[in-house]
Amino acid sequence: MQDAPARSWGSYPAYKGRALKHVRDLVQEWNALYGFEYHQIRVKDMHTQWGSCSSDRRLNFNYRLYFLPKHLADYIVVHELCHLAEMNHSHKFWRLVAQQIPDYKKRRQELKRILL
């Protein structure tokens, strides 16, 4: 968990590098359990999403993830990693998420209460 509360977002240019390192560390940590192949990790100033996964296997994350409590950042990273196997929100996708984040529904609801 980072020091700043979720609603006190720092400016994108000031935090982009730190956010990218943080996200890369989380992706490495969680992907050690899944072993998925991806091509790139990017951090962006997203206004409506916490993350995305493209069909060309690029993982994109909102830089604001840096300010979230670790359990929520973990959920976002696992969610996007699982899209590398399932590019949808099918039952199979949610089972992959639940393998590592059994309380993903609770975390998802908590995340929805945080305004971007």
PDB file of N, CA and C in Angstrom:
ATOM      1  N   MET A   1       0.843  -1.183   0.000  1.00  0.00           N
ATOM      2  CA  MET A   1       0.000   0.000   0.000  1.00  0.00           C
ATOM      3  C   MET A   1       0.884   1.240   0.000  1.00  0.00           C
ATOM      4  N   GLN A   2       0.533   2.195  -0.836  1.00  0.00           N
ATOM      5  CA  GLN A   2       1.289   3.435  -0.918  1.00  0.00           C
ATOM      6  C   GLN A   2       0.759   4.421   0.115  1.00  0.00           C
ATOM      7  N   ASP A   3       1.512   5.486   0.357  1.00  0.00           N
ATOM      8  CA  ASP A   3       1.167   6.440   1.399  1.00  0.00           C
ATOM      9  C   ASP A   3      -0.053   7.301   1.094  1.00  0.00           C
ATOM     10  N   ALA A   4      -0.220   7.701  -0.151  1.00  0.00           N
ATOM     11  CA  ALA A   4      -1.292   8.636  -0.492  1.00  0.00           C
ATOM     12  C   ALA A   4      -2.643   7.938  -0.493  1.00  0.00           C
ATOM     13  N   PRO A   5      -3.672   8.586   0.060  1.00  0.00           N
ATOM     14  CA  PRO A   5      -5.008   8.000  -0.001  1.00  0.00           C
ATOM     15  C   PRO A   5      -5.510   7.996  -1.437  1.00  0.00           C
ATOM     16  N   ALA A   6      -6.435   7.098  -1.734  1.00  0.00           N
ATOM     17  CA  ALA A   6      -6.891   6.892  -3.106  1.00  0.00           C
ATOM     18  C   ALA A   6      -7.442   8.153  -3.759  1.00  0.00           C
ATOM     19  N   ARG A   7      -8.055   9.034  -3.015  1.00  0.00           N
ATOM     20  CA  ARG A   7      -8.649  10.217  -3.632  1.00  0.00           C
ATOM     21  C   ARG A   7      -7.641  11.348  -3.841  1.00  0.00           C
ATOM     22  N   SER A   8      -6.432  11.204  -3.370  1.00  0.00           N
ATOM     23  CA  SER A   8      -5.400  12.232  -3.527  1.00  0.00           C
ATOM     24  C   SER A   8      -4.429  11.823  -4.626  1.00  0.00           C
ATOM     25  N   TRP A   9      -4.941  11.704  -5.845  1.00  0.00           N
ATOM     26  CA  TRP A   9      -4.096  11.262  -6.940  1.00  0.00           C
ATOM     27  C   TRP A   9      -3.001  12.289  -7.190  1.00  0.00           C
ATOM     28  N   GLY A  10      -1.783  11.826  -7.316  1.00  0.00           N
ATOM     29  CA  GLY A  10      -0.690  12.699  -7.723  1.00  0.00           C
ATOM     30  C   GLY A  10      -0.755  12.902  -9.229  1.00  0.00           C
ATOM     31  N   SER A  11      -0.002  13.850  -9.738  1.00  0.00           N
ATOM     32  CA  SER A  11      -0.033  14.122 -11.175  1.00  0.00           C
ATOM     33  C   SER A  11       0.621  12.973 -11.948  1.00  0.00           C
ATOM     34  N   TYR A  12       0.076  12.696 -13.109  1.00  0.00           N
ATOM     35  CA  TYR A  12       0.558  11.596 -13.942  1.00  0.00           C
ATOM     36  C   TYR A  12       2.053  11.699 -14.245  1.00  0.00           C
ATOM     37  N   PRO A  13       2.549  12.843 -14.739  1.00  0.00           N
ATOM     38  CA  PRO A  13       3.990  12.906 -15.038  1.00  0.00           C
ATOM     39  C   PRO A  13       4.870  12.634 -13.813  1.00  0.00           C
ATOM     40  N   ALA A  14       4.434  13.080 -12.662  1.00  0.00           N
ATOM     41  CA  ALA A  14       5.242  12.906 -11.447  1.00  0.00           C
ATOM     42  C   ALA A  14       5.282  11.456 -10.974  1.00  0.00           C
ATOM     43  N   TYR A  15       4.239  10.688 -11.258  1.00  0.00           N
ATOM     44  CA  TYR A  15       4.134   9.325 -10.718  1.00  0.00           C
ATOM     45  C   TYR A  15       4.236   8.217 -11.759  1.00  0.00           C
ATOM     46  N   LYS A  16       4.318   8.563 -13.028  1.00  0.00           N
ATOM     47  CA  LYS A  16       4.330   7.543 -14.079  1.00  0.00           C
ATOM     48  C   LYS A  16       5.436   6.505 -13.869  1.00  0.00           C
ATOM     49  N   GLY A  17       6.663   6.945 -13.627  1.00  0.00           N
ATOM     50  CA  GLY A  17       7.788   6.017 -13.456  1.00  0.00           C
ATOM     51  C   GLY A  17       7.629   5.117 -12.252  1.00  0.00           C
ATOM     52  N   ARG A  18       7.229   5.698 -11.132  1.00  0.00           N
ATOM     53  CA  ARG A  18       7.022   4.898  -9.914  1.00  0.00           C
ATOM     54  C   ARG A  18       5.875   3.909 -10.102  1.00  0.00           C
ATOM     55  N   ALA A  19       4.815   4.385 -10.766  1.00  0.00           N
ATOM     56  CA  ALA A  19       3.662   3.514 -11.005  1.00  0.00           C
ATOM     57  C   ALA A  19       4.048   2.345 -11.907  1.00  0.00           C
ATOM     58  N   LEU A  20       4.840   2.609 -12.935  1.00  0.00           N
ATOM     59  CA  LEU A  20       5.254   1.542 -13.847  1.00  0.00           C
ATOM     60  C   LEU A  20       6.093   0.494 -13.116  1.00  0.00           C
ATOM     61  N   LYS A  21       7.015   0.918 -12.296  1.00  0.00           N
ATOM     62  CA  LYS A  21       7.825  -0.035 -11.524  1.00  0.00           C
ATOM     63  C   LYS A  21       6.943  -0.861 -10.592  1.00  0.00           C
ATOM     64  N   HIS A  22       6.024  -0.194  -9.910  1.00  0.00           N
ATOM     65  CA  HIS A  22       5.099  -0.865  -8.991  1.00  0.00           C
ATOM     66  C   HIS A  22       4.278  -1.921  -9.738  1.00  0.00           C
ATOM     67  N   VAL A  23       3.727  -1.539 -10.881  1.00  0.00           N
ATOM     68  CA  VAL A  23       2.899  -2.455 -11.672  1.00  0.00           C
ATOM     69  C   VAL A  23       3.739  -3.619 -12.196  1.00  0.00           C
ATOM     70  N   ARG A  24       4.924  -3.332 -12.692  1.00  0.00           N
ATOM     71  CA  ARG A  24       5.785  -4.418 -13.189  1.00  0.00           C
ATOM     72  C   ARG A  24       6.096  -5.423 -12.086  1.00  0.00           C
ATOM     73  N   ASP A  25       6.363  -4.924 -10.893  1.00  0.00           N
ATOM     74  CA  ASP A  25       6.630  -5.820  -9.761  1.00  0.00           C
ATOM     75  C   ASP A  25       5.418  -6.693  -9.451  1.00  0.00           C
ATOM     76  N   LEU A  26       4.227  -6.101  -9.471  1.00  0.00           N
ATOM     77  CA  LEU A  26       3.007  -6.869  -9.191  1.00  0.00           C
ATOM     78  C   LEU A  26       2.734  -7.895 -10.285  1.00  0.00           C
ATOM     79  N   VAL A  27       2.915  -7.503 -11.537  1.00  0.00           N
ATOM     80  CA  VAL A  27       2.706  -8.440 -12.646  1.00  0.00           C
ATOM     81  C   VAL A  27       3.677  -9.613 -12.521  1.00  0.00           C
ATOM     82  N   GLN A  28       4.912  -9.322 -12.225  1.00  0.00           N
ATOM     83  CA  GLN A  28       5.908 -10.393 -12.066  1.00  0.00           C
ATOM     84  C   GLN A  28       5.519 -11.327 -10.914  1.00  0.00           C
ATOM     85  N   GLU A  29       5.110 -10.747  -9.801  1.00  0.00           N
ATOM     86  CA  GLU A  29       4.706 -11.541  -8.630  1.00  0.00           C
ATOM     87  C   GLU A  29       3.550 -12.477  -8.968  1.00  0.00           C
ATOM     88  N   TRP A  30       2.499 -11.939  -9.567  1.00  0.00           N
ATOM     89  CA  TRP A  30       1.306 -12.740  -9.835  1.00  0.00           C
ATOM     90  C   TRP A  30       1.478 -13.662 -11.036  1.00  0.00           C
ATOM     91  N   ASN A  31       2.197 -13.207 -12.052  1.00  0.00           N
ATOM     92  CA  ASN A  31       2.358 -14.057 -13.220  1.00  0.00           C
ATOM     93  C   ASN A  31       3.261 -15.255 -12.939  1.00  0.00           C
ATOM     94  N   ALA A  32       4.032 -15.208 -11.869  1.00  0.00           N
ATOM     95  CA  ALA A  32       4.812 -16.383 -11.460  1.00  0.00           C
ATOM     96  C   ALA A  32       3.871 -17.551 -11.155  1.00  0.00           C
ATOM     97  N   LEU A  33       2.642 -17.251 -10.763  1.00  0.00           N
ATOM     98  CA  LEU A  33       1.656 -18.292 -10.459  1.00  0.00           C
ATOM     99  C   LEU A  33       0.907 -18.764 -11.707  1.00  0.00           C
ATOM    100  N   TYR A  34       0.755 -17.886 -12.697  1.00  0.00           N
ATOM    101  CA  TYR A  34       0.008 -18.233 -13.907  1.00  0.00           C
ATOM    102  C   TYR A  34       0.914 -18.651 -15.069  1.00  0.00           C
ATOM    103  N   GLY A  35       2.017 -17.959 -15.249  1.00  0.00           N
ATOM    104  CA  GLY A  35       2.922 -18.271 -16.354  1.00  0.00           C
ATOM    105  C   GLY A  35       2.423 -17.836 -17.719  1.00  0.00           C
ATOM    106  N   PHE A  36       1.632 -16.773 -17.776  1.00  0.00           N
ATOM    107  CA  PHE A  36       1.123 -16.274 -19.051  1.00  0.00           C
ATOM    108  C   PHE A  36       2.207 -15.487 -19.786  1.00  0.00           C
ATOM    109  N   GLU A  37       2.108 -15.464 -21.091  1.00  0.00           N
ATOM    110  CA  GLU A  37       3.038 -14.687 -21.912  1.00  0.00           C
ATOM    111  C   GLU A  37       2.373 -13.370 -22.293  1.00  0.00           C
ATOM    112  N   TYR A  38       3.104 -12.287 -22.121  1.00  0.00           N
ATOM    113  CA  TYR A  38       2.596 -10.970 -22.526  1.00  0.00           C
ATOM    114  C   TYR A  38       3.724 -10.230 -23.228  1.00  0.00           C
ATOM    115  N   HIS A  39       3.364  -9.182 -23.974  1.00  0.00           N
ATOM    116  CA  HIS A  39       4.364  -8.470 -24.767  1.00  0.00           C
ATOM    117  C   HIS A  39       4.833  -7.164 -24.154  1.00  0.00           C
ATOM    118  N   GLN A  40       3.979  -6.501 -23.422  1.00  0.00           N
ATOM    119  CA  GLN A  40       4.354  -5.186 -22.905  1.00  0.00           C
ATOM    120  C   GLN A  40       3.466  -4.824 -21.723  1.00  0.00           C
ATOM    121  N   ILE A  41       4.027  -4.053 -20.810  1.00  0.00           N
ATOM    122  CA  ILE A  41       3.264  -3.476 -19.699  1.00  0.00           C
ATOM    123  C   ILE A  41       3.363  -1.966 -19.844  1.00  0.00           C
ATOM    124  N   ARG A  42       2.219  -1.316 -19.855  1.00  0.00           N
ATOM    125  CA  ARG A  42       2.198   0.145 -19.951  1.00  0.00           C
ATOM    126  C   ARG A  42       1.370   0.726 -18.814  1.00  0.00           C
ATOM    127  N   VAL A  43       1.739   1.932 -18.416  1.00  0.00           N
ATOM    128  CA  VAL A  43       0.981   2.694 -17.429  1.00  0.00           C
ATOM    129  C   VAL A  43       0.484   3.944 -18.135  1.00  0.00           C
ATOM    130  N   LYS A  44      -0.812   4.215 -17.978  1.00  0.00           N
ATOM    131  CA  LYS A  44      -1.426   5.351 -18.662  1.00  0.00           C
ATOM    132  C   LYS A  44      -2.255   6.173 -17.679  1.00  0.00           C
ATOM    133  N   ASP A  45      -2.621   7.349 -18.124  1.00  0.00           N
ATOM    134  CA  ASP A  45      -3.534   8.208 -17.371  1.00  0.00           C
ATOM    135  C   ASP A  45      -4.943   7.904 -17.869  1.00  0.00           C
ATOM    136  N   MET A  46      -5.534   6.848 -17.337  1.00  0.00           N
ATOM    137  CA  MET A  46      -6.860   6.403 -17.764  1.00  0.00           C
ATOM    138  C   MET A  46      -7.916   7.065 -16.879  1.00  0.00           C
ATOM    139  N   HIS A  47      -9.029   7.411 -17.479  1.00  0.00           N
ATOM    140  CA  HIS A  47     -10.063   8.114 -16.718  1.00  0.00           C
ATOM    141  C   HIS A  47     -11.299   7.267 -16.437  1.00  0.00           C
ATOM    142  N   THR A  48     -11.409   6.114 -17.083  1.00  0.00           N
ATOM    143  CA  THR A  48     -12.598   5.279 -16.885  1.00  0.00           C
ATOM    144  C   THR A  48     -12.277   3.829 -16.545  1.00  0.00           C
ATOM    145  N   GLN A  49     -11.010   3.441 -16.587  1.00  0.00           N
ATOM    146  CA  GLN A  49     -10.640   2.046 -16.347  1.00  0.00           C
ATOM    147  C   GLN A  49      -9.435   1.957 -15.421  1.00  0.00           C
ATOM    148  N   TRP A  50      -9.343   0.840 -14.733  1.00  0.00           N
ATOM    149  CA  TRP A  50      -8.160   0.547 -13.922  1.00  0.00           C
ATOM    150  C   TRP A  50      -7.121  -0.199 -14.736  1.00  0.00           C
ATOM    151  N   GLY A  51      -7.564  -0.892 -15.762  1.00  0.00           N
ATOM    152  CA  GLY A  51      -6.635  -1.641 -16.584  1.00  0.00           C
ATOM    153  C   GLY A  51      -7.314  -2.184 -17.817  1.00  0.00           C
ATOM    154  N   SER A  52      -6.509  -2.698 -18.733  1.00  0.00           N
ATOM    155  CA  SER A  52      -7.032  -3.352 -19.924  1.00  0.00           C
ATOM    156  C   SER A  52      -5.965  -4.303 -20.458  1.00  0.00           C
ATOM    157  N   CYS A  53      -6.419  -5.224 -21.276  1.00  0.00           N
ATOM    158  CA  CYS A  53      -5.527  -6.188 -21.919  1.00  0.00           C
ATOM    159  C   CYS A  53      -5.923  -6.241 -23.386  1.00  0.00           C
ATOM    160  N   SER A  54      -4.979  -5.990 -24.274  1.00  0.00           N
ATOM    161  CA  SER A  54      -5.290  -5.977 -25.702  1.00  0.00           C
ATOM    162  C   SER A  54      -5.087  -7.366 -26.313  1.00  0.00           C
ATOM    163  N   SER A  55      -5.683  -7.567 -27.478  1.00  0.00           N
ATOM    164  CA  SER A  55      -5.565  -8.862 -28.151  1.00  0.00           C
ATOM    165  C   SER A  55      -4.125  -9.154 -28.576  1.00  0.00           C
ATOM    166  N   ASP A  56      -3.288  -8.123 -28.653  1.00  0.00           N
ATOM    167  CA  ASP A  56      -1.874  -8.360 -28.960  1.00  0.00           C
ATOM    168  C   ASP A  56      -1.030  -8.529 -27.692  1.00  0.00           C
ATOM    169  N   ARG A  57      -1.711  -8.832 -26.577  1.00  0.00           N
ATOM    170  CA  ARG A  57      -1.082  -9.240 -25.315  1.00  0.00           C
ATOM    171  C   ARG A  57      -0.315  -8.115 -24.620  1.00  0.00           C
ATOM    172  N   ARG A  58      -0.841  -6.905 -24.762  1.00  0.00           N
ATOM    173  CA  ARG A  58      -0.280  -5.761 -24.047  1.00  0.00           C
ATOM    174  C   ARG A  58      -1.152  -5.474 -22.831  1.00  0.00           C
ATOM    175  N   LEU A  59      -0.508  -5.340 -21.689  1.00  0.00           N
ATOM    176  CA  LEU A  59      -1.212  -5.045 -20.442  1.00  0.00           C
ATOM    177  C   LEU A  59      -1.097  -3.550 -20.160  1.00  0.00           C
ATOM    178  N   ASN A  60      -2.239  -2.904 -19.992  1.00  0.00           N
ATOM    179  CA  ASN A  60      -2.289  -1.473 -19.716  1.00  0.00           C
ATOM    180  C   ASN A  60      -2.901  -1.262 -18.345  1.00  0.00           C
ATOM    181  N   PHE A  61      -2.294  -0.372 -17.570  1.00  0.00           N
ATOM    182  CA  PHE A  61      -2.786  -0.105 -16.224  1.00  0.00           C
ATOM    183  C   PHE A  61      -2.870   1.392 -15.979  1.00  0.00           C
ATOM    184  N   ASN A  62      -3.856   1.765 -15.196  1.00  0.00           N
ATOM    185  CA  ASN A  62      -4.024   3.142 -14.766  1.00  0.00           C
ATOM    186  C   ASN A  62      -2.921   3.462 -13.757  1.00  0.00           C
ATOM    187  N   TYR A  63      -2.251   4.586 -13.936  1.00  0.00           N
ATOM    188  CA  TYR A  63      -1.172   4.937 -12.999  1.00  0.00           C
ATOM    189  C   TYR A  63      -1.683   5.089 -11.576  1.00  0.00           C
ATOM    190  N   ARG A  64      -2.975   5.352 -11.401  1.00  0.00           N
ATOM    191  CA  ARG A  64      -3.557   5.531 -10.071  1.00  0.00           C
ATOM    192  C   ARG A  64      -3.537   4.243  -9.245  1.00  0.00           C
ATOM    193  N   LEU A  65      -3.294   3.123  -9.913  1.00  0.00           N
ATOM    194  CA  LEU A  65      -3.147   1.849  -9.205  1.00  0.00           C
ATOM    195  C   LEU A  65      -2.045   1.954  -8.149  1.00  0.00           C
ATOM    196  N   TYR A  66      -1.073   2.803  -8.401  1.00  0.00           N
ATOM    197  CA  TYR A  66       0.044   3.026  -7.470  1.00  0.00           C
ATOM    198  C   TYR A  66      -0.442   3.473  -6.093  1.00  0.00           C
ATOM    199  N   PHE A  67      -1.559   4.173  -6.049  1.00  0.00           N
ATOM    200  CA  PHE A  67      -2.065   4.742  -4.800  1.00  0.00           C
ATOM    201  C   PHE A  67      -3.042   3.829  -4.058  1.00  0.00           C
ATOM    202  N   LEU A  68      -3.402   2.718  -4.669  1.00  0.00           N
ATOM    203  CA  LEU A  68      -4.394   1.822  -4.071  1.00  0.00           C
ATOM    204  C   LEU A  68      -3.780   0.928  -2.998  1.00  0.00           C
ATOM    205  N   PRO A  69      -4.619   0.462  -2.069  1.00  0.00           N
ATOM    206  CA  PRO A  69      -4.153  -0.582  -1.149  1.00  0.00           C
ATOM    207  C   PRO A  69      -3.735  -1.815  -1.966  1.00  0.00           C
ATOM    208  N   LYS A  70      -2.762  -2.543  -1.467  1.00  0.00           N
ATOM    209  CA  LYS A  70      -2.209  -3.671  -2.227  1.00  0.00           C
ATOM    210  C   LYS A  70      -3.264  -4.697  -2.628  1.00  0.00           C
ATOM    211  N   HIS A  71      -4.222  -4.988  -1.754  1.00  0.00           N
ATOM    212  CA  HIS A  71      -5.205  -6.023  -2.098  1.00  0.00           C
ATOM    213  C   HIS A  71      -6.043  -5.627  -3.315  1.00  0.00           C
ATOM    214  N   LEU A  72      -6.267  -4.333  -3.533  1.00  0.00           N
ATOM    215  CA  LEU A  72      -7.017  -3.890  -4.708  1.00  0.00           C
ATOM    216  C   LEU A  72      -6.128  -3.866  -5.950  1.00  0.00           C
ATOM    217  N   ALA A  73      -4.889  -3.419  -5.796  1.00  0.00           N
ATOM    218  CA  ALA A  73      -3.947  -3.449  -6.919  1.00  0.00           C
ATOM    219  C   ALA A  73      -3.719  -4.892  -7.374  1.00  0.00           C
ATOM    220  N   ASP A  74      -3.617  -5.804  -6.430  1.00  0.00           N
ATOM    221  CA  ASP A  74      -3.457  -7.226  -6.758  1.00  0.00           C
ATOM    222  C   ASP A  74      -4.631  -7.722  -7.593  1.00  0.00           C
ATOM    223  N   TYR A  75      -5.841  -7.366  -7.190  1.00  0.00           N
ATOM    224  CA  TYR A  75      -7.030  -7.798  -7.937  1.00  0.00           C
ATOM    225  C   TYR A  75      -6.976  -7.290  -9.378  1.00  0.00           C
ATOM    226  N   ILE A  76      -6.634  -6.022  -9.566  1.00  0.00           N
ATOM    227  CA  ILE A  76      -6.581  -5.447 -10.916  1.00  0.00           C
ATOM    228  C   ILE A  76      -5.550  -6.181 -11.767  1.00  0.00           C
ATOM    229  N   VAL A  77      -4.386  -6.419 -11.220  1.00  0.00           N
ATOM    230  CA  VAL A  77      -3.325  -7.105 -11.964  1.00  0.00           C
ATOM    231  C   VAL A  77      -3.748  -8.528 -12.317  1.00  0.00           C
ATOM    232  N   VAL A  78      -4.293  -9.257 -11.373  1.00  0.00           N
ATOM    233  CA  VAL A  78      -4.749 -10.626 -11.646  1.00  0.00           C
ATOM    234  C   VAL A  78      -5.853 -10.612 -12.698  1.00  0.00           C
ATOM    235  N   HIS A  79      -6.783  -9.685 -12.591  1.00  0.00           N
ATOM    236  CA  HIS A  79      -7.876  -9.558 -13.564  1.00  0.00           C
ATOM    237  C   HIS A  79      -7.307  -9.409 -14.979  1.00  0.00           C
ATOM    238  N   GLU A  80      -6.384  -8.483 -15.155  1.00  0.00           N
ATOM    239  CA  GLU A  80      -5.826  -8.259 -16.493  1.00  0.00           C
ATOM    240  C   GLU A  80      -4.968  -9.434 -16.952  1.00  0.00           C
ATOM    241  N   LEU A  81      -4.212 -10.029 -16.063  1.00  0.00           N
ATOM    242  CA  LEU A  81      -3.439 -11.219 -16.439  1.00  0.00           C
ATOM    243  C   LEU A  81      -4.353 -12.330 -16.948  1.00  0.00           C
ATOM    244  N   CYS A  82      -5.478 -12.520 -16.310  1.00  0.00           N
ATOM    245  CA  CYS A  82      -6.398 -13.594 -16.713  1.00  0.00           C
ATOM    246  C   CYS A  82      -6.992 -13.354 -18.096  1.00  0.00           C
ATOM    247  N   HIS A  83      -7.027 -12.099 -18.528  1.00  0.00           N
ATOM    248  CA  HIS A  83      -7.480 -11.819 -19.894  1.00  0.00           C
ATOM    249  C   HIS A  83      -6.493 -12.337 -20.937  1.00  0.00           C
ATOM    250  N   LEU A  84      -5.285 -12.620 -20.544  1.00  0.00           N
ATOM    251  CA  LEU A  84      -4.337 -13.223 -21.480  1.00  0.00           C
ATOM    252  C   LEU A  84      -4.766 -14.638 -21.855  1.00  0.00           C
ATOM    253  N   ALA A  85      -5.526 -15.283 -20.988  1.00  0.00           N
ATOM    254  CA  ALA A  85      -6.045 -16.629 -21.262  1.00  0.00           C
ATOM    255  C   ALA A  85      -7.475 -16.584 -21.784  1.00  0.00           C
ATOM    256  N   GLU A  86      -8.258 -15.654 -21.271  1.00  0.00           N
ATOM    257  CA  GLU A  86      -9.671 -15.521 -21.645  1.00  0.00           C
ATOM    258  C   GLU A  86      -9.960 -14.048 -21.906  1.00  0.00           C
ATOM    259  N   MET A  87     -10.171 -13.684 -23.172  1.00  0.00           N
ATOM    260  CA  MET A  87     -10.403 -12.281 -23.526  1.00  0.00           C
ATOM    261  C   MET A  87     -11.884 -11.902 -23.380  1.00  0.00           C
ATOM    262  N   ASN A  88     -12.475 -12.318 -22.287  1.00  0.00           N
ATOM    263  CA  ASN A  88     -13.891 -12.059 -22.030  1.00  0.00           C
ATOM    264  C   ASN A  88     -14.107 -12.156 -20.527  1.00  0.00           C
ATOM    265  N   HIS A  89     -15.350 -12.053 -20.126  1.00  0.00           N
ATOM    266  CA  HIS A  89     -15.682 -12.203 -18.703  1.00  0.00           C
ATOM    267  C   HIS A  89     -16.579 -13.434 -18.504  1.00  0.00           C
ATOM    268  N   SER A  90     -16.185 -14.522 -19.109  1.00  0.00           N
ATOM    269  CA  SER A  90     -16.931 -15.779 -19.012  1.00  0.00           C
ATOM    270  C   SER A  90     -16.721 -16.425 -17.644  1.00  0.00           C
ATOM    271  N   HIS A  91     -17.456 -17.503 -17.395  1.00  0.00           N
ATOM    272  CA  HIS A  91     -17.268 -18.256 -16.147  1.00  0.00           C
ATOM    273  C   HIS A  91     -15.835 -18.778 -16.052  1.00  0.00           C
ATOM    274  N   LYS A  92     -15.285 -19.188 -17.174  1.00  0.00           N
ATOM    275  CA  LYS A  92     -13.910 -19.691 -17.190  1.00  0.00           C
ATOM    276  C   LYS A  92     -12.935 -18.588 -16.757  1.00  0.00           C
ATOM    277  N   PHE A  93     -13.164 -17.366 -17.244  1.00  0.00           N
ATOM    278  CA  PHE A  93     -12.329 -16.227 -16.854  1.00  0.00           C
ATOM    279  C   PHE A  93     -12.390 -16.015 -15.345  1.00  0.00           C
ATOM    280  N   TRP A  94     -13.609 -15.949 -14.789  1.00  0.00           N
ATOM    281  CA  TRP A  94     -13.754 -15.668 -13.354  1.00  0.00           C
ATOM    282  C   TRP A  94     -13.190 -16.803 -12.500  1.00  0.00           C
ATOM    283  N   ARG A  95     -13.227 -18.041 -13.000  1.00  0.00           N
ATOM    284  CA  ARG A  95     -12.591 -19.149 -12.275  1.00  0.00           C
ATOM    285  C   ARG A  95     -11.078 -18.954 -12.203  1.00  0.00           C
ATOM    286  N   LEU A  96     -10.488 -18.465 -13.294  1.00  0.00           N
ATOM    287  CA  LEU A  96      -9.045 -18.178 -13.286  1.00  0.00           C
ATOM    288  C   LEU A  96      -8.705 -17.101 -12.259  1.00  0.00           C
ATOM    289  N   VAL A  97      -9.517 -16.057 -12.207  1.00  0.00           N
ATOM    290  CA  VAL A  97      -9.306 -14.988 -11.226  1.00  0.00           C
ATOM    291  C   VAL A  97      -9.428 -15.566  -9.819  1.00  0.00           C
ATOM    292  N   ALA A  98     -10.478 -16.350  -9.592  1.00  0.00           N
ATOM    293  CA  ALA A  98     -10.764 -16.892  -8.258  1.00  0.00           C
ATOM    294  C   ALA A  98      -9.688 -17.856  -7.762  1.00  0.00           C
ATOM    295  N   GLN A  99      -8.928 -18.455  -8.663  1.00  0.00           N
ATOM    296  CA  GLN A  99      -7.842 -19.352  -8.240  1.00  0.00           C
ATOM    297  C   GLN A  99      -6.867 -18.632  -7.318  1.00  0.00           C
ATOM    298  N   GLN A 100      -6.608 -17.363  -7.591  1.00  0.00           N
ATOM    299  CA  GLN A 100      -5.646 -16.604  -6.789  1.00  0.00           C
ATOM    300  C   GLN A 100      -6.301 -15.555  -5.896  1.00  0.00           C
ATOM    301  N   ILE A 101      -7.477 -15.083  -6.278  1.00  0.00           N
ATOM    302  CA  ILE A 101      -8.183 -14.052  -5.507  1.00  0.00           C
ATOM    303  C   ILE A 101      -9.588 -14.578  -5.194  1.00  0.00           C
ATOM    304  N   PRO A 102      -9.718 -15.473  -4.220  1.00  0.00           N
ATOM    305  CA  PRO A 102     -11.031 -16.062  -3.929  1.00  0.00           C
ATOM    306  C   PRO A 102     -12.101 -15.027  -3.559  1.00  0.00           C
ATOM    307  N   ASP A 103     -11.699 -13.911  -2.964  1.00  0.00           N
ATOM    308  CA  ASP A 103     -12.671 -12.879  -2.585  1.00  0.00           C
ATOM    309  C   ASP A 103     -12.745 -11.756  -3.626  1.00  0.00           C
ATOM    310  N   TYR A 104     -12.539 -12.107  -4.901  1.00  0.00           N
ATOM    311  CA  TYR A 104     -12.505 -11.093  -5.953  1.00  0.00           C
ATOM    312  C   TYR A 104     -13.790 -10.275  -6.027  1.00  0.00           C
ATOM    313  N   LYS A 105     -14.936 -10.872  -5.723  1.00  0.00           N
ATOM    314  CA  LYS A 105     -16.198 -10.118  -5.788  1.00  0.00           C
ATOM    315  C   LYS A 105     -16.208  -8.984  -4.772  1.00  0.00           C
ATOM    316  N   LYS A 106     -15.720  -9.256  -3.591  1.00  0.00           N
ATOM    317  CA  LYS A 106     -15.640  -8.234  -2.548  1.00  0.00           C
ATOM    318  C   LYS A 106     -14.681  -7.118  -2.969  1.00  0.00           C
ATOM    319  N   ARG A 107     -13.535  -7.498  -3.490  1.00  0.00           N
ATOM    320  CA  ARG A 107     -12.547  -6.502  -3.920  1.00  0.00           C
ATOM    321  C   ARG A 107     -13.082  -5.670  -5.082  1.00  0.00           C
ATOM    322  N   ARG A 108     -13.776  -6.329  -5.986  1.00  0.00           N
ATOM    323  CA  ARG A 108     -14.353  -5.628  -7.140  1.00  0.00           C
ATOM    324  C   ARG A 108     -15.347  -4.570  -6.678  1.00  0.00           C
ATOM    325  N   GLN A 109     -16.189  -4.923  -5.720  1.00  0.00           N
ATOM    326  CA  GLN A 109     -17.153  -3.962  -5.184  1.00  0.00           C
ATOM    327  C   GLN A 109     -16.448  -2.810  -4.473  1.00  0.00           C
ATOM    328  N   GLU A 110     -15.419  -3.111  -3.726  1.00  0.00           N
ATOM    329  CA  GLU A 110     -14.656  -2.070  -3.039  1.00  0.00           C
ATOM    330  C   GLU A 110     -14.029  -1.104  -4.048  1.00  0.00           C
ATOM    331  N   LEU A 111     -13.516  -1.640  -5.117  1.00  0.00           N
ATOM    332  CA  LEU A 111     -12.884  -0.830  -6.152  1.00  0.00           C
ATOM    333  C   LEU A 111     -13.893   0.081  -6.852  1.00  0.00           C
ATOM    334  N   LYS A 112     -15.104  -0.413  -7.037  1.00  0.00           N
ATOM    335  CA  LYS A 112     -16.139   0.393  -7.696  1.00  0.00           C
ATOM    336  C   LYS A 112     -16.503   1.639  -6.896  1.00  0.00           C
ATOM    337  N   ARG A 113     -16.241   1.620  -5.599  1.00  0.00           N
ATOM    338  CA  ARG A 113     -16.559   2.782  -4.755  1.00  0.00           C
ATOM    339  C   ARG A 113     -15.492   3.876  -4.833  1.00  0.00           C
ATOM    340  N   ILE A 114     -14.388   3.574  -5.485  1.00  0.00           N
ATOM    341  CA  ILE A 114     -13.307   4.558  -5.610  1.00  0.00           C
ATOM    342  C   ILE A 114     -13.462   5.287  -6.938  1.00  0.00           C
ATOM    343  N   LEU A 115     -13.576   6.583  -6.875  1.00  0.00           N
ATOM    344  CA  LEU A 115     -13.754   7.380  -8.085  1.00  0.00           C
ATOM    345  C   LEU A 115     -12.417   7.648  -8.755  1.00  0.00           C
ATOM    346  N   LEU A 116     -12.408   7.492 -10.065  1.00  0.00           N
ATOM    347  CA  LEU A 116     -11.212   7.839 -10.830  1.00  0.00           C
ATOM    348  C   LEU A 116     -11.243   9.325 -11.071  1.00  0.00           C
TER     349      LEU A 116
END
